[in-house]
């Protein structure tokens, strides 16, 4: 299970990278789906698709939970890119790792 502390560290890493590399990120990102608020780890409006990228976190034993499934289905149906990132390597990421992700998710 991913702890609140691990999520906070991951958020700090993404926010620091966004400052250093000058990209926009909203974390956490709350969507309203069928009248319910559902949380994705983050939203990058300028990557992945013209509508942006939604990000979820996972641990190797568990790819997604119920809430992740809800926003993942919503993203697919509404033309958003989405990706799940293994949280454990993320806790050690450097800016070079974020550059690689952003290059992979770049809109052509």
PDB file of N, CA and C in Angstrom:
ATOM      1  N   UNK A   1       0.836  -1.186   0.000  1.00  0.00           N
ATOM      2  CA  UNK A   1       0.000   0.000   0.000  1.00  0.00           C
ATOM      3  C   UNK A   1       0.883   1.253   0.000  1.00  0.00           C
ATOM      4  N   UNK A   2       0.523   2.209  -0.799  1.00  0.00           N
ATOM      5  CA  UNK A   2       1.262   3.468  -0.865  1.00  0.00           C
ATOM      6  C   UNK A   2       0.850   4.327   0.318  1.00  0.00           C
ATOM      7  N   UNK A   3       1.845   4.844   1.025  1.00  0.00           N
ATOM      8  CA  UNK A   3       1.555   5.665   2.204  1.00  0.00           C
ATOM      9  C   UNK A   3       1.362   7.127   1.818  1.00  0.00           C
ATOM     10  N   UNK A   4       0.718   7.872   2.703  1.00  0.00           N
ATOM     11  CA  UNK A   4       0.538   9.307   2.487  1.00  0.00           C
ATOM     12  C   UNK A   4       1.889  10.008   2.389  1.00  0.00           C
ATOM     13  N   UNK A   5       2.863   9.556   3.164  1.00  0.00           N
ATOM     14  CA  UNK A   5       4.197  10.152   3.125  1.00  0.00           C
ATOM     15  C   UNK A   5       4.857   9.933   1.766  1.00  0.00           C
ATOM     16  N   UNK A   6       4.703   8.732   1.209  1.00  0.00           N
ATOM     17  CA  UNK A   6       5.272   8.454  -0.106  1.00  0.00           C
ATOM     18  C   UNK A   6       4.605   9.311  -1.179  1.00  0.00           C
ATOM     19  N   UNK A   7       3.294   9.469  -1.089  1.00  0.00           N
ATOM     20  CA  UNK A   7       2.592  10.325  -2.042  1.00  0.00           C
ATOM     21  C   UNK A   7       3.085  11.759  -1.925  1.00  0.00           C
ATOM     22  N   UNK A   8       3.290  12.231  -0.709  1.00  0.00           N
ATOM     23  CA  UNK A   8       3.771  13.598  -0.511  1.00  0.00           C
ATOM     24  C   UNK A   8       5.174  13.777  -1.101  1.00  0.00           C
ATOM     25  N   UNK A   9       6.047  12.799  -0.892  1.00  0.00           N
ATOM     26  CA  UNK A   9       7.395  12.864  -1.477  1.00  0.00           C
ATOM     27  C   UNK A   9       7.307  12.901  -3.002  1.00  0.00           C
ATOM     28  N   UNK A  10       6.454  12.044  -3.568  1.00  0.00           N
ATOM     29  CA  UNK A  10       6.283  12.017  -5.025  1.00  0.00           C
ATOM     30  C   UNK A  10       5.779  13.369  -5.526  1.00  0.00           C
ATOM     31  N   UNK A  11       4.820  13.970  -4.822  1.00  0.00           N
ATOM     32  CA  UNK A  11       4.314  15.299  -5.215  1.00  0.00           C
ATOM     33  C   UNK A  11       5.433  16.335  -5.172  1.00  0.00           C
ATOM     34  N   UNK A  12       6.212  16.307  -4.105  1.00  0.00           N
ATOM     35  CA  UNK A  12       7.322  17.265  -3.987  1.00  0.00           C
ATOM     36  C   UNK A  12       8.304  17.099  -5.130  1.00  0.00           C
ATOM     37  N   UNK A  13       8.600  15.848  -5.515  1.00  0.00           N
ATOM     38  CA  UNK A  13       9.517  15.595  -6.633  1.00  0.00           C
ATOM     39  C   UNK A  13       8.957  16.178  -7.937  1.00  0.00           C
ATOM     40  N   UNK A  14       7.668  15.926  -8.219  1.00  0.00           N
ATOM     41  CA  UNK A  14       7.053  16.444  -9.434  1.00  0.00           C
ATOM     42  C   UNK A  14       7.003  17.969  -9.419  1.00  0.00           C
ATOM     43  N   UNK A  15       6.643  18.556  -8.286  1.00  0.00           N
ATOM     44  CA  UNK A  15       6.566  20.026  -8.214  1.00  0.00           C
ATOM     45  C   UNK A  15       7.936  20.660  -8.387  1.00  0.00           C
ATOM     46  N   UNK A  16       8.955  20.083  -7.781  1.00  0.00           N
ATOM     47  CA  UNK A  16      10.325  20.602  -7.931  1.00  0.00           C
ATOM     48  C   UNK A  16      10.761  20.482  -9.392  1.00  0.00           C
ATOM     49  N   UNK A  17      10.493  19.336 -10.001  1.00  0.00           N
ATOM     50  CA  UNK A  17      10.850  19.152 -11.418  1.00  0.00           C
ATOM     51  C   UNK A  17      10.110  20.159 -12.287  1.00  0.00           C
ATOM     52  N   UNK A  18       8.849  20.443 -11.972  1.00  0.00           N
ATOM     53  CA  UNK A  18       8.086  21.399 -12.792  1.00  0.00           C
ATOM     54  C   UNK A  18       8.687  22.793 -12.699  1.00  0.00           C
ATOM     55  N   UNK A  19       9.196  23.147 -11.538  1.00  0.00           N
ATOM     56  CA  UNK A  19       9.879  24.446 -11.397  1.00  0.00           C
ATOM     57  C   UNK A  19      11.193  24.449 -12.170  1.00  0.00           C
ATOM     58  N   UNK A  20      11.988  23.409 -11.982  1.00  0.00           N
ATOM     59  CA  UNK A  20      13.300  23.332 -12.626  1.00  0.00           C
ATOM     60  C   UNK A  20      13.207  23.230 -14.146  1.00  0.00           C
ATOM     61  N   UNK A  21      12.218  22.490 -14.636  1.00  0.00           N
ATOM     62  CA  UNK A  21      12.107  22.210 -16.067  1.00  0.00           C
ATOM     63  C   UNK A  21      11.020  23.030 -16.756  1.00  0.00           C
ATOM     64  N   UNK A  22      10.336  23.869 -15.984  1.00  0.00           N
ATOM     65  CA  UNK A  22       9.347  24.808 -16.513  1.00  0.00           C
ATOM     66  C   UNK A  22       8.190  24.121 -17.257  1.00  0.00           C
ATOM     67  N   UNK A  23       7.488  23.235 -16.544  1.00  0.00           N
ATOM     68  CA  UNK A  23       6.264  22.663 -17.098  1.00  0.00           C
ATOM     69  C   UNK A  23       5.156  22.784 -16.057  1.00  0.00           C
ATOM     70  N   UNK A  24       3.924  22.772 -16.550  1.00  0.00           N
ATOM     71  CA  UNK A  24       2.771  22.925 -15.662  1.00  0.00           C
ATOM     72  C   UNK A  24       2.310  21.569 -15.139  1.00  0.00           C
ATOM     73  N   UNK A  25       1.953  21.552 -13.849  1.00  0.00           N
ATOM     74  CA  UNK A  25       1.412  20.351 -13.222  1.00  0.00           C
ATOM     75  C   UNK A  25       0.427  20.777 -12.144  1.00  0.00           C
ATOM     76  N   UNK A  26      -0.640  20.010 -12.007  1.00  0.00           N
ATOM     77  CA  UNK A  26      -1.598  20.216 -10.928  1.00  0.00           C
ATOM     78  C   UNK A  26      -1.643  18.900 -10.157  1.00  0.00           C
ATOM     79  N   UNK A  27      -1.279  18.955  -8.884  1.00  0.00           N
ATOM     80  CA  UNK A  27      -1.263  17.755  -8.056  1.00  0.00           C
ATOM     81  C   UNK A  27      -1.657  18.086  -6.634  1.00  0.00           C
ATOM     82  N   UNK A  28      -2.635  17.400  -6.073  1.00  0.00           N
ATOM     83  CA  UNK A  28      -3.479  16.386  -6.686  1.00  0.00           C
ATOM     84  C   UNK A  28      -4.426  17.020  -7.698  1.00  0.00           C
ATOM     85  N   UNK A  29      -5.037  16.184  -8.518  1.00  0.00           N
ATOM     86  CA  UNK A  29      -5.995  16.660  -9.505  1.00  0.00           C
ATOM     87  C   UNK A  29      -7.334  15.981  -9.244  1.00  0.00           C
ATOM     88  N   UNK A  30      -8.355  16.791  -9.019  1.00  0.00           N
ATOM     89  CA  UNK A  30      -9.687  16.280  -8.699  1.00  0.00           C
ATOM     90  C   UNK A  30     -10.593  16.418  -9.918  1.00  0.00           C
ATOM     91  N   UNK A  31     -11.179  15.301 -10.319  1.00  0.00           N
ATOM     92  CA  UNK A  31     -12.159  15.284 -11.400  1.00  0.00           C
ATOM     93  C   UNK A  31     -13.523  15.003 -10.782  1.00  0.00           C
ATOM     94  N   UNK A  32     -14.554  15.521 -11.390  1.00  0.00           N
ATOM     95  CA  UNK A  32     -15.906  15.164 -10.984  1.00  0.00           C
ATOM     96  C   UNK A  32     -16.461  14.229 -12.050  1.00  0.00           C
ATOM     97  N   UNK A  33     -16.714  12.987 -11.636  1.00  0.00           N
ATOM     98  CA  UNK A  33     -17.191  11.953 -12.537  1.00  0.00           C
ATOM     99  C   UNK A  33     -18.504  11.424 -11.983  1.00  0.00           C
ATOM    100  N   UNK A  34     -19.561  11.549 -12.770  1.00  0.00           N
ATOM    101  CA  UNK A  34     -20.889  11.101 -12.338  1.00  0.00           C
ATOM    102  C   UNK A  34     -21.273  11.692 -10.985  1.00  0.00           C
ATOM    103  N   UNK A  35     -20.942  12.974 -10.807  1.00  0.00           N
ATOM    104  CA  UNK A  35     -21.314  13.681  -9.589  1.00  0.00           C
ATOM    105  C   UNK A  35     -20.432  13.413  -8.383  1.00  0.00           C
ATOM    106  N   UNK A  36     -19.371  12.596  -8.553  1.00  0.00           N
ATOM    107  CA  UNK A  36     -18.455  12.277  -7.455  1.00  0.00           C
ATOM    108  C   UNK A  36     -17.084  12.872  -7.731  1.00  0.00           C
ATOM    109  N   UNK A  37     -16.436  13.368  -6.675  1.00  0.00           N
ATOM    110  CA  UNK A  37     -15.054  13.814  -6.807  1.00  0.00           C
ATOM    111  C   UNK A  37     -14.133  12.600  -6.768  1.00  0.00           C
ATOM    112  N   UNK A  38     -13.260  12.516  -7.769  1.00  0.00           N
ATOM    113  CA  UNK A  38     -12.315  11.417  -7.898  1.00  0.00           C
ATOM    114  C   UNK A  38     -10.927  12.038  -8.059  1.00  0.00           C
ATOM    115  N   UNK A  39      -9.948  11.506  -7.335  1.00  0.00           N
ATOM    116  CA  UNK A  39      -8.605  12.092  -7.348  1.00  0.00           C
ATOM    117  C   UNK A  39      -7.631  11.280  -8.198  1.00  0.00           C
ATOM    118  N   UNK A  40      -6.946  11.988  -9.099  1.00  0.00           N
ATOM    119  CA  UNK A  40      -5.789  11.442  -9.798  1.00  0.00           C
ATOM    120  C   UNK A  40      -4.562  12.058  -9.122  1.00  0.00           C
ATOM    121  N   UNK A  41      -3.434  11.391  -9.210  1.00  0.00           N
ATOM    122  CA  UNK A  41      -2.227  11.925  -8.584  1.00  0.00           C
ATOM    123  C   UNK A  41      -1.884  13.298  -9.153  1.00  0.00           C
ATOM    124  N   UNK A  42      -1.949  13.429 -10.483  1.00  0.00           N
ATOM    125  CA  UNK A  42      -1.569  14.703 -11.096  1.00  0.00           C
ATOM    126  C   UNK A  42      -2.150  14.835 -12.494  1.00  0.00           C
ATOM    127  N   UNK A  43      -2.121  16.066 -12.963  1.00  0.00           N
ATOM    128  CA  UNK A  43      -2.547  16.412 -14.322  1.00  0.00           C
ATOM    129  C   UNK A  43      -1.490  17.316 -14.924  1.00  0.00           C
ATOM    130  N   UNK A  44      -1.014  16.959 -16.116  1.00  0.00           N
ATOM    131  CA  UNK A  44      -0.074  17.779 -16.877  1.00  0.00           C
ATOM    132  C   UNK A  44      -0.815  18.254 -18.126  1.00  0.00           C
ATOM    133  N   UNK A  45      -1.246  19.517 -18.156  1.00  0.00           N
ATOM    134  CA  UNK A  45      -2.084  19.983 -19.259  1.00  0.00           C
ATOM    135  C   UNK A  45      -1.385  20.052 -20.613  1.00  0.00           C
ATOM    136  N   UNK A  46      -0.063  20.059 -20.634  1.00  0.00           N
ATOM    137  CA  UNK A  46       0.669  20.272 -21.883  1.00  0.00           C
ATOM    138  C   UNK A  46       1.368  19.024 -22.414  1.00  0.00           C
ATOM    139  N   UNK A  47       1.031  17.856 -21.893  1.00  0.00           N
ATOM    140  CA  UNK A  47       1.715  16.623 -22.301  1.00  0.00           C
ATOM    141  C   UNK A  47       0.708  15.505 -22.526  1.00  0.00           C
ATOM    142  N   UNK A  48       1.112  14.537 -23.321  1.00  0.00           N
ATOM    143  CA  UNK A  48       0.357  13.318 -23.495  1.00  0.00           C
ATOM    144  C   UNK A  48      -0.687  13.351 -24.590  1.00  0.00           C
ATOM    145  N   UNK A  49      -1.503  14.388 -24.606  1.00  0.00           N
ATOM    146  CA  UNK A  49      -2.543  14.558 -25.627  1.00  0.00           C
ATOM    147  C   UNK A  49      -2.920  16.031 -25.643  1.00  0.00           C
ATOM    148  N   UNK A  50      -3.723  16.418 -26.611  1.00  0.00           N
ATOM    149  CA  UNK A  50      -4.126  17.821 -26.666  1.00  0.00           C
ATOM    150  C   UNK A  50      -4.921  18.216 -25.421  1.00  0.00           C
ATOM    151  N   UNK A  51      -5.515  17.247 -24.746  1.00  0.00           N
ATOM    152  CA  UNK A  51      -6.256  17.525 -23.510  1.00  0.00           C
ATOM    153  C   UNK A  51      -5.403  17.359 -22.265  1.00  0.00           C
ATOM    154  N   UNK A  52      -4.183  16.843 -22.427  1.00  0.00           N
ATOM    155  CA  UNK A  52      -3.278  16.692 -21.296  1.00  0.00           C
ATOM    156  C   UNK A  52      -3.147  15.247 -20.844  1.00  0.00           C
ATOM    157  N   UNK A  53      -2.382  15.072 -19.754  1.00  0.00           N
ATOM    158  CA  UNK A  53      -2.076  13.749 -19.215  1.00  0.00           C
ATOM    159  C   UNK A  53      -2.499  13.663 -17.760  1.00  0.00           C
ATOM    160  N   UNK A  54      -3.176  12.583 -17.428  1.00  0.00           N
ATOM    161  CA  UNK A  54      -3.517  12.271 -16.046  1.00  0.00           C
ATOM    162  C   UNK A  54      -2.560  11.195 -15.560  1.00  0.00           C
ATOM    163  N   UNK A  55      -2.104  11.333 -14.322  1.00  0.00           N
ATOM    164  CA  UNK A  55      -1.105  10.416 -13.775  1.00  0.00           C
ATOM    165  C   UNK A  55      -1.658   9.743 -12.530  1.00  0.00           C
ATOM    166  N   UNK A  56      -1.420   8.454 -12.460  1.00  0.00           N
ATOM    167  CA  UNK A  56      -1.709   7.676 -11.264  1.00  0.00           C
ATOM    168  C   UNK A  56      -0.424   7.043 -10.763  1.00  0.00           C
ATOM    169  N   UNK A  57      -0.424   6.618  -9.528  1.00  0.00           N
ATOM    170  CA  UNK A  57       0.724   5.932  -8.940  1.00  0.00           C
ATOM    171  C   UNK A  57       0.346   4.481  -8.680  1.00  0.00           C
ATOM    172  N   UNK A  58       1.339   3.617  -8.757  1.00  0.00           N
ATOM    173  CA  UNK A  58       1.084   2.223  -8.408  1.00  0.00           C
ATOM    174  C   UNK A  58       2.296   1.640  -7.721  1.00  0.00           C
ATOM    175  N   UNK A  59       2.083   0.525  -7.069  1.00  0.00           N
ATOM    176  CA  UNK A  59       3.159  -0.308  -6.563  1.00  0.00           C
ATOM    177  C   UNK A  59       3.099  -1.599  -7.362  1.00  0.00           C
ATOM    178  N   UNK A  60       4.216  -2.288  -7.515  1.00  0.00           N
ATOM    179  CA  UNK A  60       4.227  -3.447  -8.405  1.00  0.00           C
ATOM    180  C   UNK A  60       3.124  -4.473  -8.147  1.00  0.00           C
ATOM    181  N   UNK A  61       2.694  -4.644  -6.929  1.00  0.00           N
ATOM    182  CA  UNK A  61       1.682  -5.648  -6.622  1.00  0.00           C
ATOM    183  C   UNK A  61       0.261  -5.194  -6.953  1.00  0.00           C
ATOM    184  N   UNK A  62       0.068  -3.912  -7.214  1.00  0.00           N
ATOM    185  CA  UNK A  62      -1.294  -3.398  -7.373  1.00  0.00           C
ATOM    186  C   UNK A  62      -1.289  -2.267  -8.402  1.00  0.00           C
ATOM    187  N   UNK A  63      -1.793  -2.522  -9.601  1.00  0.00           N
ATOM    188  CA  UNK A  63      -1.737  -1.507 -10.662  1.00  0.00           C
ATOM    189  C   UNK A  63      -2.716  -0.372 -10.414  1.00  0.00           C
ATOM    190  N   UNK A  64      -3.900  -0.628  -9.886  1.00  0.00           N
ATOM    191  CA  UNK A  64      -4.820   0.468  -9.645  1.00  0.00           C
ATOM    192  C   UNK A  64      -5.889   0.062  -8.650  1.00  0.00           C
ATOM    193  N   UNK A  65      -6.480   1.068  -8.053  1.00  0.00           N
ATOM    194  CA  UNK A  65      -7.593   0.849  -7.152  1.00  0.00           C
ATOM    195  C   UNK A  65      -8.876   1.310  -7.809  1.00  0.00           C
ATOM    196  N   UNK A  66      -9.950   1.270  -7.067  1.00  0.00           N
ATOM    197  CA  UNK A  66     -11.255   1.632  -7.604  1.00  0.00           C
ATOM    198  C   UNK A  66     -11.264   3.054  -8.142  1.00  0.00           C
ATOM    199  N   UNK A  67     -10.761   4.004  -7.360  1.00  0.00           N
ATOM    200  CA  UNK A  67     -10.774   5.393  -7.814  1.00  0.00           C
ATOM    201  C   UNK A  67      -9.932   5.564  -9.069  1.00  0.00           C
ATOM    202  N   UNK A  68      -8.773   4.917  -9.113  1.00  0.00           N
ATOM    203  CA  UNK A  68      -7.939   5.020 -10.306  1.00  0.00           C
ATOM    204  C   UNK A  68      -8.685   4.479 -11.513  1.00  0.00           C
ATOM    205  N   UNK A  69      -9.387   3.369 -11.329  1.00  0.00           N
ATOM    206  CA  UNK A  69     -10.150   2.793 -12.420  1.00  0.00           C
ATOM    207  C   UNK A  69     -11.209   3.752 -12.938  1.00  0.00           C
ATOM    208  N   UNK A  70     -11.838   4.482 -12.031  1.00  0.00           N
ATOM    209  CA  UNK A  70     -12.862   5.441 -12.442  1.00  0.00           C
ATOM    210  C   UNK A  70     -12.270   6.537 -13.326  1.00  0.00           C
ATOM    211  N   UNK A  71     -11.176   7.151 -12.892  1.00  0.00           N
ATOM    212  CA  UNK A  71     -10.644   8.249 -13.705  1.00  0.00           C
ATOM    213  C   UNK A  71      -9.947   7.724 -14.951  1.00  0.00           C
ATOM    214  N   UNK A  72      -9.401   6.508 -14.891  1.00  0.00           N
ATOM    215  CA  UNK A  72      -8.756   5.930 -16.062  1.00  0.00           C
ATOM    216  C   UNK A  72      -9.801   5.705 -17.166  1.00  0.00           C
ATOM    217  N   UNK A  73     -10.944   5.143 -16.810  1.00  0.00           N
ATOM    218  CA  UNK A  73     -12.017   4.956 -17.786  1.00  0.00           C
ATOM    219  C   UNK A  73     -12.498   6.296 -18.327  1.00  0.00           C
ATOM    220  N   UNK A  74     -12.654   7.271 -17.441  1.00  0.00           N
ATOM    221  CA  UNK A  74     -13.093   8.615 -17.845  1.00  0.00           C
ATOM    222  C   UNK A  74     -12.090   9.227 -18.815  1.00  0.00           C
ATOM    223  N   UNK A  75     -10.792   9.107 -18.501  1.00  0.00           N
ATOM    224  CA  UNK A  75      -9.744   9.660 -19.366  1.00  0.00           C
ATOM    225  C   UNK A  75      -9.806   9.028 -20.753  1.00  0.00           C
ATOM    226  N   UNK A  76      -9.930   7.724 -20.793  1.00  0.00           N
ATOM    227  CA  UNK A  76      -9.987   7.004 -22.072  1.00  0.00           C
ATOM    228  C   UNK A  76     -11.195   7.471 -22.892  1.00  0.00           C
ATOM    229  N   UNK A  77     -12.348   7.577 -22.249  1.00  0.00           N
ATOM    230  CA  UNK A  77     -13.584   7.965 -22.940  1.00  0.00           C
ATOM    231  C   UNK A  77     -13.567   9.418 -23.411  1.00  0.00           C
ATOM    232  N   UNK A  78     -12.769  10.266 -22.742  1.00  0.00           N
ATOM    233  CA  UNK A  78     -12.772  11.701 -23.039  1.00  0.00           C
ATOM    234  C   UNK A  78     -11.507  12.183 -23.751  1.00  0.00           C
ATOM    235  N   UNK A  79     -10.664  11.261 -24.221  1.00  0.00           N
ATOM    236  CA  UNK A  79      -9.520  11.628 -25.047  1.00  0.00           C
ATOM    237  C   UNK A  79      -8.308  12.176 -24.313  1.00  0.00           C
ATOM    238  N   UNK A  80      -8.161  11.831 -23.030  1.00  0.00           N
ATOM    239  CA  UNK A  80      -6.982  12.236 -22.274  1.00  0.00           C
ATOM    240  C   UNK A  80      -5.966  11.103 -22.293  1.00  0.00           C
ATOM    241  N   UNK A  81      -4.698  11.455 -22.313  1.00  0.00           N
ATOM    242  CA  UNK A  81      -3.636  10.486 -22.107  1.00  0.00           C
ATOM    243  C   UNK A  81      -3.597  10.178 -20.616  1.00  0.00           C
ATOM    244  N   UNK A  82      -3.269   8.936 -20.264  1.00  0.00           N
ATOM    245  CA  UNK A  82      -3.080   8.622 -18.853  1.00  0.00           C
ATOM    246  C   UNK A  82      -1.956   7.614 -18.707  1.00  0.00           C
ATOM    247  N   UNK A  83      -1.316   7.678 -17.543  1.00  0.00           N
ATOM    248  CA  UNK A  83      -0.221   6.767 -17.274  1.00  0.00           C
ATOM    249  C   UNK A  83      -0.145   6.512 -15.771  1.00  0.00           C
ATOM    250  N   UNK A  84       0.291   5.311 -15.430  1.00  0.00           N
ATOM    251  CA  UNK A  84       0.562   4.978 -14.042  1.00  0.00           C
ATOM    252  C   UNK A  84       2.067   4.848 -13.882  1.00  0.00           C
ATOM    253  N   UNK A  85       2.584   5.416 -12.813  1.00  0.00           N
ATOM    254  CA  UNK A  85       4.019   5.397 -12.542  1.00  0.00           C
ATOM    255  C   UNK A  85       4.262   4.630 -11.248  1.00  0.00           C
ATOM    256  N   UNK A  86       5.204   3.702 -11.292  1.00  0.00           N
ATOM    257  CA  UNK A  86       5.610   2.975 -10.088  1.00  0.00           C
ATOM    258  C   UNK A  86       6.185   3.980  -9.096  1.00  0.00           C
ATOM    259  N   UNK A  87       5.611   4.049  -7.912  1.00  0.00           N
ATOM    260  CA  UNK A  87       6.016   5.071  -6.957  1.00  0.00           C
ATOM    261  C   UNK A  87       7.429   4.853  -6.416  1.00  0.00           C
ATOM    262  N   UNK A  88       7.884   3.632  -6.279  1.00  0.00           N
ATOM    263  CA  UNK A  88       9.156   3.412  -5.604  1.00  0.00           C
ATOM    264  C   UNK A  88      10.346   4.017  -6.345  1.00  0.00           C
ATOM    265  N   UNK A  89      10.540   3.789  -7.649  1.00  0.00           N
ATOM    266  CA  UNK A  89      11.634   4.493  -8.326  1.00  0.00           C
ATOM    267  C   UNK A  89      11.425   6.012  -8.342  1.00  0.00           C
ATOM    268  N   UNK A  90      10.154   6.432  -8.402  1.00  0.00           N
ATOM    269  CA  UNK A  90       9.841   7.860  -8.436  1.00  0.00           C
ATOM    270  C   UNK A  90      10.400   8.593  -7.224  1.00  0.00           C
ATOM    271  N   UNK A  91      10.461   7.925  -6.093  1.00  0.00           N
ATOM    272  CA  UNK A  91      10.954   8.562  -4.871  1.00  0.00           C
ATOM    273  C   UNK A  91      12.423   8.935  -4.984  1.00  0.00           C
ATOM    274  N   UNK A  92      13.119   8.343  -5.953  1.00  0.00           N
ATOM    275  CA  UNK A  92      14.548   8.612  -6.155  1.00  0.00           C
ATOM    276  C   UNK A  92      14.832   9.380  -7.444  1.00  0.00           C
ATOM    277  N   UNK A  93      13.810   9.780  -8.179  1.00  0.00           N
ATOM    278  CA  UNK A  93      13.997  10.422  -9.479  1.00  0.00           C
ATOM    279  C   UNK A  93      14.843  11.683  -9.393  1.00  0.00           C
ATOM    280  N   UNK A  94      15.574  11.908 -10.477  1.00  0.00           N
ATOM    281  CA  UNK A  94      16.307  13.157 -10.686  1.00  0.00           C
ATOM    282  C   UNK A  94      15.629  13.896 -11.842  1.00  0.00           C
ATOM    283  N   UNK A  95      16.050  15.116 -12.091  1.00  0.00           N
ATOM    284  CA  UNK A  95      15.462  15.870 -13.210  1.00  0.00           C
ATOM    285  C   UNK A  95      15.645  15.152 -14.541  1.00  0.00           C
ATOM    286  N   UNK A  96      16.734  14.417 -14.697  1.00  0.00           N
ATOM    287  CA  UNK A  96      16.959  13.681 -15.937  1.00  0.00           C
ATOM    288  C   UNK A  96      15.853  12.641 -16.155  1.00  0.00           C
ATOM    289  N   UNK A  97      15.386  12.016 -15.082  1.00  0.00           N
ATOM    290  CA  UNK A  97      14.300  11.049 -15.193  1.00  0.00           C
ATOM    291  C   UNK A  97      13.014  11.732 -15.651  1.00  0.00           C
ATOM    292  N   UNK A  98      12.760  12.935 -15.141  1.00  0.00           N
ATOM    293  CA  UNK A  98      11.566  13.671 -15.541  1.00  0.00           C
ATOM    294  C   UNK A  98      11.670  14.126 -17.002  1.00  0.00           C
ATOM    295  N   UNK A  99      12.854  14.516 -17.431  1.00  0.00           N
ATOM    296  CA  UNK A  99      13.051  14.897 -18.831  1.00  0.00           C
ATOM    297  C   UNK A  99      12.692  13.720 -19.732  1.00  0.00           C
ATOM    298  N   UNK A 100      13.106  12.523 -19.355  1.00  0.00           N
ATOM    299  CA  UNK A 100      12.799  11.334 -20.150  1.00  0.00           C
ATOM    300  C   UNK A 100      11.285  11.099 -20.227  1.00  0.00           C
ATOM    301  N   UNK A 101      10.593  11.231 -19.107  1.00  0.00           N
ATOM    302  CA  UNK A 101       9.133  11.068 -19.102  1.00  0.00           C
ATOM    303  C   UNK A 101       8.481  12.117 -20.002  1.00  0.00           C
ATOM    304  N   UNK A 102       8.881  13.361 -19.842  1.00  0.00           N
ATOM    305  CA  UNK A 102       8.258  14.440 -20.623  1.00  0.00           C
ATOM    306  C   UNK A 102       8.524  14.263 -22.121  1.00  0.00           C
ATOM    307  N   UNK A 103       9.704  13.778 -22.464  1.00  0.00           N
ATOM    308  CA  UNK A 103      10.011  13.499 -23.875  1.00  0.00           C
ATOM    309  C   UNK A 103       9.092  12.395 -24.399  1.00  0.00           C
ATOM    310  N   UNK A 104       8.889  11.363 -23.593  1.00  0.00           N
ATOM    311  CA  UNK A 104       8.003  10.258 -24.005  1.00  0.00           C
ATOM    312  C   UNK A 104       6.563  10.745 -24.186  1.00  0.00           C
ATOM    313  N   UNK A 105       6.133  11.684 -23.352  1.00  0.00           N
ATOM    314  CA  UNK A 105       4.746  12.134 -23.362  1.00  0.00           C
ATOM    315  C   UNK A 105       4.526  13.384 -24.209  1.00  0.00           C
ATOM    316  N   UNK A 106       5.569  13.849 -24.856  1.00  0.00           N
ATOM    317  CA  UNK A 106       5.472  15.072 -25.661  1.00  0.00           C
ATOM    318  C   UNK A 106       4.407  14.910 -26.738  1.00  0.00           C
ATOM    319  N   UNK A 107       3.651  15.984 -26.952  1.00  0.00           N
ATOM    320  CA  UNK A 107       2.644  15.981 -28.002  1.00  0.00           C
ATOM    321  C   UNK A 107       3.337  16.329 -29.310  1.00  0.00           C
ATOM    322  N   UNK A 108       3.186  15.480 -30.281  1.00  0.00           N
ATOM    323  CA  UNK A 108       3.845  15.723 -31.588  1.00  0.00           C
ATOM    324  C   UNK A 108       3.011  16.599 -32.468  1.00  0.00           C
TER     325      UNK A 108
END
